[in-house]
Amino acid sequence: MAPSLPFRDINVHASASHYAFTSPSSPSAATLVVDRPTGDIRLNDGKLLGGKRVSSIAGILGMIRLRLDKYIIVITKAQPMGRLKGHMVYKIIATEFLPLRERPLHDNDEDIYLTLLKGFIKSGPMYFSYSSDLTNSFQRQAQIDQSQPLWKRADDRFFWNRFIQSDLIDFRTSGSRQQIGQQPGADPFILPVMFGMLEISPTTVKGRPLTIALITRRSRHRAGTRYFSRGIDESGHVSNFNETEQIVIINESGAGLGGFAGGGGMQNGKVGGSDGREVQVLSYVQTRGSIPVYWAEVNSLTYTPKLQVRGVESAVNAAKAHFDEQIRLYGDNYLVNLVNQKGREKRMKEAYEQV
């Protein structure tokens, strides 16, 4: 059975009572309806009349409740970045917030929250693909059930918008008061997004096509800013954890920006390579994260904040959970200590080695 992939074209219709999301290229698919102002979600097999067409969007980033209202965040502009094994990859350029209340509320706190959130989304480099899982390395992709919907295949660590997709995912898995049970018709509306860095550079070597790509995936767990988020938590998540994958794809034809996505053969790498050659993928993965002990830097408005490190014994269980997960996901790990070997960071060096 072919996997359920996200819709690459969605029209938004608005009325005083609901927002309706439809896919013009999939006229037989159900319509996703979000009632106003309650935020209740349902699927409608028929077309809802009376809705004014708002816009054509690239996808639904998620839903979030602030102080006074709830908003649907939609992707209004996406920039093609290139192809990976035939799959087009996009960068989010612009979004829009659709309020559930028909009449906007004027509240200073709400306005501040909206401004901060919009600024973060605008400045944050976020990427997605309609047909490929950017949250997983090529090695993990090869081991995942490809018949699953794209959002179910996503690595929970790098599914950046997982929290604001919770309403849609909960509806998909459990339904609602009006529609009880699983709702697979919601799958194409759930779009996993990756936060980080992505570059794709197609070239040729002696006439043979070659694609070089660099992807850094930022974990959504403890993804704080510098100084404010350090060390490990009780679940084994370290601050500012990133996975970087260096990729070389050999014999891939059509790695440019034209079109939407390659055919099935090109996408799975079995055929479609240059001159009929099999597409080959070489991948090298590194990870980085904050030192896995309990530590902090207290911001005292000085150039070098005060460093505080708790006893290593208190972090043993959390560090074990962290390294157990790393070994389960990546196999043998080779650890490199990047902090200074002397001075104020010497305590961090010793804590890392001890833990």
Protein backbone atom coordinates (compact mmCIF):
# COMPACT_ATOMS: atom_id res chain seq x y z
CA MET A 1 0.00 0.00 0.00
CA ALA A 2 1.35 3.41 -0.97
CA PRO A 3 2.17 5.66 1.98
CA SER A 4 -0.05 8.61 2.77
CA LEU A 5 2.05 11.68 1.97
CA PRO A 6 1.28 15.28 2.94
CA PHE A 7 -0.72 17.37 0.50
CA ARG A 8 1.51 19.70 -1.47
CA ASP A 9 -1.37 22.04 -2.29
CA ILE A 10 -4.02 23.14 0.19
CA ASN A 11 -6.74 25.74 -0.15
CA VAL A 12 -8.02 27.48 2.97
CA HIS A 13 -11.68 28.51 3.17
CA ALA A 14 -12.89 30.66 6.05
CA SER A 15 -16.29 31.47 7.47
CA ALA A 16 -17.56 32.79 10.78
CA SER A 17 -18.02 29.22 12.00
CA HIS A 18 -14.97 27.32 10.70
CA TYR A 19 -11.81 27.04 8.65
CA ALA A 20 -11.87 24.36 5.94
CA PHE A 21 -8.75 22.89 4.31
CA THR A 22 -9.00 21.11 0.95
CA SER A 23 -6.51 19.78 -1.59
CA PRO A 24 -7.33 20.78 -5.20
CA SER A 25 -5.18 17.93 -6.55
CA SER A 26 -7.06 15.37 -4.40
CA PRO A 27 -10.75 16.23 -4.90
CA SER A 28 -11.89 12.90 -3.44
CA ALA A 29 -10.00 13.45 -0.17
CA ALA A 30 -11.83 14.53 2.95
CA THR A 31 -11.94 18.18 3.98
CA LEU A 32 -10.25 19.07 7.26
CA VAL A 33 -12.48 21.38 9.30
CA VAL A 34 -11.46 23.40 12.36
CA ASP A 35 -14.50 24.89 14.08
CA ARG A 36 -14.42 28.46 15.33
CA PRO A 37 -13.92 29.50 18.05
CA THR A 38 -13.71 26.12 19.81
CA GLY A 39 -10.87 24.64 17.74
CA ASP A 40 -12.70 21.30 17.44
CA ILE A 41 -11.38 19.27 14.51
CA ARG A 42 -13.37 17.04 12.17
CA LEU A 43 -13.26 15.57 8.68
CA ASN A 44 -16.02 16.32 6.20
CA ASP A 45 -16.50 14.09 3.16
CA GLY A 46 -18.49 16.76 1.34
CA LYS A 47 -17.52 20.27 0.33
CA LEU A 48 -18.46 22.97 2.81
CA LEU A 49 -20.38 25.78 1.16
CA GLY A 50 -20.34 29.38 2.17
CA GLY A 51 -16.66 29.52 3.00
CA LYS A 52 -14.71 32.38 1.52
CA ARG A 53 -11.43 31.22 -0.01
CA VAL A 54 -8.62 32.80 1.96
CA SER A 55 -5.50 31.56 0.24
CA SER A 56 -3.53 28.70 -1.19
CA ILE A 57 -0.95 27.42 1.29
CA ALA A 58 2.02 25.06 1.25
CA GLY A 59 1.04 23.27 4.46
CA ILE A 60 -0.13 23.49 8.06
CA LEU A 61 2.71 24.15 10.50
CA GLY A 62 0.50 23.55 13.53
CA MET A 63 -1.93 25.00 16.06
CA ILE A 64 -1.04 26.91 19.21
CA ARG A 65 -2.97 28.48 22.05
CA LEU A 66 -1.69 31.74 23.49
CA ARG A 67 -3.19 33.77 26.31
CA LEU A 68 -6.57 34.65 24.81
CA ASP A 69 -6.90 32.88 21.49
CA LYS A 70 -5.85 29.85 19.51
CA TYR A 71 -4.19 30.12 16.10
CA ILE A 72 -3.65 27.87 13.10
CA ILE A 73 -0.18 28.55 11.70
CA VAL A 74 -0.07 27.95 7.94
CA ILE A 75 2.90 28.01 5.56
CA THR A 76 2.22 30.62 2.88
CA LYS A 77 5.55 30.56 1.06
CA ALA A 78 8.19 27.84 0.66
CA GLN A 79 11.44 27.99 -1.31
CA PRO A 80 12.73 24.91 -3.20
CA MET A 81 16.23 24.01 -2.00
CA GLY A 82 17.03 21.05 -4.26
CA ARG A 83 16.47 17.32 -4.44
CA LEU A 84 17.67 14.37 -2.39
CA LYS A 85 17.18 11.10 -4.26
CA GLY A 86 14.47 12.70 -6.34
CA HIS A 87 12.60 14.27 -3.44
CA MET A 88 12.26 18.04 -3.50
CA VAL A 89 13.19 19.80 -0.25
CA TYR A 90 11.73 23.17 0.76
CA LYS A 91 12.59 25.95 3.19
CA ILE A 92 9.80 27.81 4.99
CA ILE A 93 9.89 31.47 3.98
CA ALA A 94 6.61 32.92 5.25
CA THR A 95 3.73 31.93 7.53
CA GLU A 96 0.35 33.31 8.55
CA PHE A 97 -1.55 33.04 11.84
CA LEU A 98 -5.27 32.29 11.47
CA PRO A 99 -7.13 33.25 14.69
CA LEU A 100 -10.03 31.11 15.83
CA ARG A 101 -11.91 34.08 17.23
CA GLU A 102 -13.70 35.95 14.46
CA ARG A 103 -13.11 39.33 16.04
CA PRO A 104 -9.49 40.01 16.96
CA LEU A 105 -8.80 40.80 20.59
CA HIS A 106 -6.64 43.76 21.48
CA ASP A 107 -4.48 42.72 24.40
CA ASN A 108 -0.92 43.87 25.07
CA ASP A 109 0.27 40.48 26.33
CA GLU A 110 -1.31 38.63 23.41
CA ASP A 111 0.29 41.06 20.96
CA ILE A 112 3.70 40.57 22.57
CA TYR A 113 3.40 36.77 22.45
CA LEU A 114 2.36 36.90 18.80
CA THR A 115 5.22 39.21 17.89
CA LEU A 116 7.77 36.98 19.63
CA LEU A 117 6.40 33.81 18.06
CA LYS A 118 6.22 35.30 14.58
CA GLY A 119 9.76 36.62 14.92
CA PHE A 120 11.07 33.23 16.01
CA ILE A 121 9.37 31.43 13.12
CA LYS A 122 10.57 34.02 10.62
CA SER A 123 14.19 33.82 11.75
CA GLY A 124 14.28 30.06 12.38
CA PRO A 125 15.57 27.99 9.44
CA MET A 126 12.91 25.29 8.96
CA TYR A 127 12.76 22.71 6.18
CA PHE A 128 10.35 20.04 4.96
CA SER A 129 9.64 17.65 2.13
CA TYR A 130 6.30 16.32 0.95
CA SER A 131 7.75 12.93 0.02
CA SER A 132 10.92 12.37 2.09
CA ASP A 133 11.60 12.23 5.82
CA LEU A 134 14.14 14.95 6.61
CA THR A 135 14.10 14.17 10.34
CA ASN A 136 15.86 10.83 9.85
CA SER A 137 19.32 10.08 8.51
CA PHE A 138 19.54 7.96 5.37
CA GLN A 139 20.57 4.98 7.51
CA ARG A 140 17.46 5.25 9.69
CA GLN A 141 15.26 5.85 6.65
CA ALA A 142 16.39 2.51 5.23
CA GLN A 143 15.23 0.74 8.40
CA ILE A 144 11.80 2.37 8.74
CA ASP A 145 8.50 1.00 7.43
CA GLN A 146 7.96 3.13 4.32
CA SER A 147 4.23 2.33 4.26
CA GLN A 148 3.69 4.52 7.33
CA PRO A 149 2.49 8.12 6.92
CA LEU A 150 5.37 10.59 6.82
CA TRP A 151 4.65 12.04 10.27
CA LYS A 152 4.69 8.57 11.87
CA ARG A 153 8.14 7.89 10.39
CA ALA A 154 9.57 11.14 11.74
CA ASP A 155 12.25 11.04 14.44
CA ASP A 156 10.60 12.50 17.53
CA ARG A 157 13.78 14.40 18.44
CA PHE A 158 13.90 16.31 15.16
CA PHE A 159 10.15 16.64 14.47
CA TRP A 160 10.47 20.32 15.33
CA ASN A 161 6.77 21.23 15.10
CA ARG A 162 5.62 18.09 16.95
CA PHE A 163 4.15 20.08 19.86
CA ILE A 164 2.06 22.42 17.72
CA GLN A 165 0.93 19.43 15.63
CA SER A 166 -0.45 17.78 18.79
CA ASP A 167 -4.07 18.77 18.07
CA LEU A 168 -3.98 17.21 14.60
CA ILE A 169 -2.08 14.12 15.79
CA ASP A 170 -4.45 13.59 18.72
CA PHE A 171 -7.40 13.87 16.35
CA ARG A 172 -5.74 11.43 13.93
CA THR A 173 -5.09 8.83 16.63
CA SER A 174 -8.22 9.18 18.78
CA GLY A 175 -10.79 11.20 16.86
CA SER A 176 -13.13 13.70 18.49
CA ARG A 177 -16.54 13.87 20.12
CA GLN A 178 -18.18 13.93 16.69
CA GLN A 179 -15.87 11.35 15.10
CA ILE A 180 -14.64 8.64 17.46
CA GLY A 181 -11.65 6.44 16.64
CA GLN A 182 -8.67 6.75 14.34
CA GLN A 183 -8.92 9.25 11.49
CA PRO A 184 -6.43 8.28 8.74
CA GLY A 185 -7.94 10.96 6.52
CA ALA A 186 -6.03 13.51 8.61
CA ASP A 187 -2.62 12.05 7.69
CA PRO A 188 -2.03 14.22 4.59
CA PHE A 189 -2.57 17.39 6.63
CA ILE A 190 0.21 16.56 9.15
CA LEU A 191 3.51 17.92 7.84
CA PRO A 192 6.70 17.20 9.83
CA VAL A 193 9.20 20.08 9.78
CA MET A 194 12.90 20.03 10.61
CA PHE A 195 14.78 22.94 12.23
CA GLY A 196 18.46 23.44 11.46
CA MET A 197 20.60 23.83 8.39
CA LEU A 198 20.37 22.27 4.92
CA GLU A 199 22.39 22.77 1.75
CA ILE A 200 22.22 20.70 -1.45
CA SER A 201 24.86 21.15 -4.18
CA PRO A 202 24.55 19.11 -7.39
CA THR A 203 27.68 18.87 -9.54
CA THR A 204 29.46 16.50 -11.93
CA VAL A 205 32.76 14.64 -11.74
CA LYS A 206 34.11 13.37 -15.05
CA GLY A 207 30.65 13.66 -16.51
CA ARG A 208 28.95 11.67 -13.75
CA PRO A 209 26.32 13.46 -11.62
CA LEU A 210 27.16 13.94 -7.97
CA THR A 211 25.10 15.57 -5.21
CA ILE A 212 26.74 16.84 -2.03
CA ALA A 213 24.44 17.71 0.86
CA LEU A 214 24.89 18.87 4.44
CA ILE A 215 22.04 18.61 6.94
CA THR A 216 22.04 19.60 10.60
CA ARG A 217 18.97 18.60 12.58
CA ARG A 218 18.31 20.39 15.86
CA SER A 219 16.60 18.44 18.62
CA ARG A 220 13.38 19.91 20.00
CA HIS A 221 14.29 18.68 23.51
CA ARG A 222 16.09 21.35 25.60
CA ALA A 223 16.61 23.55 22.57
CA GLY A 224 17.36 26.64 24.59
CA THR A 225 19.56 29.61 23.82
CA ARG A 226 23.20 29.82 24.86
CA TYR A 227 23.79 30.36 28.60
CA PHE A 228 20.11 29.81 29.43
CA SER A 229 20.00 26.09 28.62
CA ARG A 230 22.94 23.91 29.60
CA GLY A 231 23.63 20.32 30.58
CA ILE A 232 21.22 17.41 30.86
CA ASP A 233 17.71 16.74 32.20
CA GLU A 234 16.36 13.71 34.04
CA SER A 235 15.21 12.09 30.78
CA GLY A 236 18.72 12.14 29.33
CA HIS A 237 18.16 15.02 26.91
CA VAL A 238 21.12 17.38 26.62
CA SER A 239 20.81 21.03 25.68
CA ASN A 240 21.19 22.10 22.07
CA PHE A 241 21.64 18.60 20.68
CA ASN A 242 22.26 18.47 16.94
CA GLU A 243 22.77 15.70 14.42
CA THR A 244 24.85 16.59 11.36
CA GLU A 245 24.80 14.38 8.27
CA GLN A 246 27.25 14.77 5.40
CA ILE A 247 25.82 13.14 2.27
CA VAL A 248 27.23 12.22 -1.13
CA ILE A 249 24.79 10.84 -3.73
CA ILE A 250 26.35 9.30 -6.83
CA ASN A 251 24.62 8.79 -10.19
CA GLU A 252 21.58 10.86 -9.22
CA SER A 253 20.09 12.52 -12.26
CA GLY A 254 17.82 15.53 -11.95
CA ALA A 255 18.96 16.91 -8.61
CA GLY A 256 18.07 20.47 -9.58
CA LEU A 257 15.07 22.61 -8.71
CA GLY A 258 12.69 21.72 -11.54
CA GLY A 259 9.39 19.96 -10.88
CA PHE A 260 7.96 18.63 -7.65
CA ALA A 261 9.43 15.19 -7.11
CA GLY A 262 10.91 12.34 -9.07
CA GLY A 263 9.03 9.22 -10.00
CA GLY A 264 8.80 6.24 -7.70
CA GLY A 265 11.84 4.56 -9.20
CA MET A 266 13.99 7.64 -8.79
CA GLN A 267 12.80 8.18 -5.25
CA ASN A 268 13.63 4.72 -3.96
CA GLY A 269 17.03 4.70 -5.60
CA LYS A 270 16.51 1.44 -7.49
CA VAL A 271 16.47 2.98 -10.94
CA GLY A 272 16.58 6.40 -12.47
CA GLY A 273 20.28 7.03 -12.01
CA SER A 274 22.59 8.41 -14.65
CA ASP A 275 22.83 6.08 -17.68
CA GLY A 276 20.76 3.48 -15.85
CA ARG A 277 23.28 3.13 -13.02
CA GLU A 278 22.01 2.49 -9.51
CA VAL A 279 21.92 5.54 -7.26
CA GLN A 280 24.46 5.23 -4.44
CA VAL A 281 24.24 7.12 -1.14
CA LEU A 282 27.20 7.71 1.18
CA SER A 283 26.44 9.24 4.57
CA TYR A 284 28.54 10.27 7.57
CA VAL A 285 26.79 11.28 10.81
CA GLN A 286 28.09 13.28 13.79
CA THR A 287 26.23 14.55 16.85
CA ARG A 288 26.95 17.28 19.37
CA GLY A 289 25.36 18.34 22.60
CA SER A 290 25.90 19.99 25.93
CA ILE A 291 28.08 18.10 28.43
CA PRO A 292 25.74 15.51 30.04
CA VAL A 293 25.92 16.61 33.67
CA TYR A 294 23.88 19.11 35.68
CA TRP A 295 25.55 22.48 35.17
CA ALA A 296 24.66 26.08 34.45
CA GLU A 297 26.13 29.46 33.64
CA VAL A 298 24.62 32.20 35.78
CA ASN A 299 24.21 35.36 33.74
CA SER A 300 25.80 38.07 35.86
CA LEU A 301 26.17 40.59 33.01
CA THR A 302 29.88 39.79 32.80
CA TYR A 303 31.72 38.58 29.70
CA THR A 304 32.25 35.15 31.25
CA PRO A 305 29.23 34.11 33.35
CA LYS A 306 29.78 32.22 36.58
CA LEU A 307 30.01 28.46 36.05
CA GLN A 308 28.12 26.14 38.41
CA VAL A 309 28.54 22.34 38.29
CA ARG A 310 26.66 19.90 40.50
CA GLY A 311 28.25 16.69 41.68
CA VAL A 312 28.76 14.13 38.94
CA GLU A 313 27.04 11.44 41.03
CA SER A 314 23.70 13.25 40.66
CA ALA A 315 23.86 12.96 36.87
CA VAL A 316 24.90 9.31 36.48
CA ASN A 317 21.41 7.94 35.80
CA ALA A 318 20.52 10.74 33.39
CA ALA A 319 23.85 10.39 31.57
CA LYS A 320 23.33 6.64 31.31
CA ALA A 321 19.93 7.22 29.70
CA HIS A 322 21.55 9.66 27.28
CA PHE A 323 24.37 7.35 26.21
CA ASP A 324 22.10 4.30 26.06
CA GLU A 325 19.96 6.14 23.54
CA GLN A 326 23.01 7.26 21.55
CA ILE A 327 24.30 3.69 21.32
CA ARG A 328 20.86 2.35 20.39
CA LEU A 329 20.51 4.90 17.61
CA TYR A 330 24.06 5.15 16.30
CA GLY A 331 25.95 2.06 17.42
CA ASP A 332 29.50 2.59 18.69
CA ASN A 333 30.11 6.19 19.76
CA TYR A 334 33.44 8.00 19.65
CA LEU A 335 33.40 10.89 22.12
CA VAL A 336 35.35 14.11 21.59
CA ASN A 337 35.67 16.64 24.41
CA LEU A 338 35.65 20.14 22.91
CA VAL A 339 35.94 22.25 26.06
CA ASN A 340 39.16 23.86 27.21
CA GLN A 341 41.55 21.60 29.12
CA LYS A 342 42.41 24.31 31.64
CA GLY A 343 41.02 27.52 33.09
CA ARG A 344 37.35 27.96 33.98
CA GLU A 345 36.27 25.08 31.72
CA LYS A 346 38.59 22.54 33.35
CA ARG A 347 35.79 21.58 35.75
CA MET A 348 33.58 20.75 32.76
CA LYS A 349 36.33 18.64 31.19
CA GLU A 350 36.75 16.64 34.37
CA ALA A 351 32.99 16.24 34.89
CA TYR A 352 32.58 14.92 31.33
CA GLU A 353 35.37 12.38 31.81
CA GLN A 354 34.08 11.29 35.21
CA VAL A 355 30.48 10.80 34.14
